[in-house]
Amino acid sequence: MKEISEQLLTVREVAGILRIDESTVYKWVDESRLSYLDFGTDKKRCLRFKQKDIVNFIDENDNGKEDNESNKLEGSGYRPAERR
């Protein structure tokens, strides 16, 4: 039997790590954007996620921009108030 050394994450934990709603995690699972394990039945899901898969997801979706306010607002139509 293979030794299990990696922690599995719940939907709630993944949502917390990514700072998104749990419904978005389910949506991304349905869209095959997130890798997962399903231990549930036909009527009830019991999803778990490998930590390394979530880290890879973050790395693959990192657009390389620094996390600062100007980048967060870029393209949003936001314009800072002009100074007088």
Protein backbone atom coordinates (compact mmCIF):
# COMPACT_ATOMS: atom_id res chain seq x y z
CA MET A 1 0.00 0.00 0.00
CA LYS A 2 1.28 3.45 -0.91
CA GLU A 3 2.12 5.74 1.99
CA ILE A 4 0.01 8.88 2.16
CA SER A 5 2.09 11.90 3.00
CA GLU A 6 0.14 14.68 1.36
CA GLN A 7 -2.71 16.47 3.08
CA LEU A 8 -6.02 16.60 1.24
CA LEU A 9 -7.99 19.83 1.32
CA THR A 10 -11.75 20.33 1.51
CA VAL A 11 -13.81 22.65 -0.69
CA ARG A 12 -13.97 25.12 2.21
CA GLU A 13 -10.19 25.07 2.67
CA VAL A 14 -9.54 25.57 -1.06
CA ALA A 15 -12.03 28.45 -1.13
CA GLY A 16 -10.23 30.01 1.83
CA ILE A 17 -6.79 29.61 0.25
CA LEU A 18 -7.95 31.13 -3.04
CA ARG A 19 -10.20 33.68 -1.30
CA ILE A 20 -13.20 32.75 -3.37
CA ASP A 21 -16.69 31.49 -2.59
CA GLU A 22 -17.22 27.74 -2.19
CA SER A 23 -19.68 27.83 -5.10
CA THR A 24 -16.83 29.03 -7.33
CA VAL A 25 -14.75 25.99 -6.33
CA TYR A 26 -17.64 23.73 -7.41
CA LYS A 27 -18.04 25.71 -10.65
CA TRP A 28 -14.33 25.36 -11.46
CA VAL A 29 -14.52 21.62 -10.70
CA ASP A 30 -17.47 21.31 -13.12
CA GLU A 31 -15.46 23.26 -15.73
CA SER A 32 -12.45 20.93 -15.16
CA ARG A 33 -10.28 23.87 -14.05
CA LEU A 34 -9.38 22.21 -10.73
CA SER A 35 -8.12 18.66 -10.22
CA TYR A 36 -9.96 16.81 -7.47
CA LEU A 37 -10.76 13.48 -5.87
CA ASP A 38 -14.41 12.56 -5.31
CA PHE A 39 -15.16 10.19 -2.43
CA GLY A 40 -18.90 10.79 -2.59
CA THR A 41 -21.82 8.91 -4.02
CA ASP A 42 -24.01 9.63 -7.05
CA LYS A 43 -26.19 11.93 -4.95
CA LYS A 44 -23.63 13.63 -2.73
CA ARG A 45 -20.20 14.97 -3.53
CA CYS A 46 -17.29 14.59 -1.16
CA LEU A 47 -14.51 16.44 -2.95
CA ARG A 48 -10.90 16.62 -1.82
CA PHE A 49 -7.97 18.42 -3.40
CA LYS A 50 -4.26 17.68 -3.28
CA GLN A 51 -2.24 20.60 -1.95
CA LYS A 52 0.24 20.31 -4.82
CA ASP A 53 -2.61 20.60 -7.35
CA ILE A 54 -3.83 23.82 -5.74
CA VAL A 55 -0.28 25.22 -5.69
CA ASN A 56 0.08 24.31 -9.39
CA PHE A 57 -3.28 25.95 -10.13
CA ILE A 58 -2.09 29.15 -8.45
CA ASP A 59 1.23 29.07 -10.35
CA GLU A 60 -0.49 28.43 -13.69
CA ASN A 61 -2.88 31.33 -13.16
CA ASP A 62 -0.31 33.83 -11.89
CA ASN A 63 -0.19 36.57 -14.48
CA GLY A 64 3.23 37.70 -13.24
CA LYS A 65 2.09 41.11 -12.07
CA GLU A 66 3.04 42.46 -8.69
CA ASP A 67 0.22 42.51 -6.19
CA ASN A 68 -0.27 46.25 -5.83
CA GLU A 69 -3.29 48.51 -6.07
CA SER A 70 -2.49 49.89 -9.52
CA ASN A 71 -2.38 46.39 -11.03
CA LYS A 72 -5.58 45.32 -9.26
CA LEU A 73 -7.41 48.27 -10.72
CA GLU A 74 -5.86 48.17 -14.19
CA GLY A 75 -8.55 47.73 -16.83
CA SER A 76 -11.37 48.20 -14.35
CA GLY A 77 -12.30 51.69 -15.49
CA TYR A 78 -11.20 53.06 -12.13
CA ARG A 79 -9.50 56.46 -12.21
CA PRO A 80 -7.93 57.97 -9.13
CA ALA A 81 -9.11 61.44 -8.19
CA GLU A 82 -6.96 64.24 -9.55
CA ARG A 83 -4.99 66.19 -6.99
CA ARG A 84 -5.47 69.92 -6.83
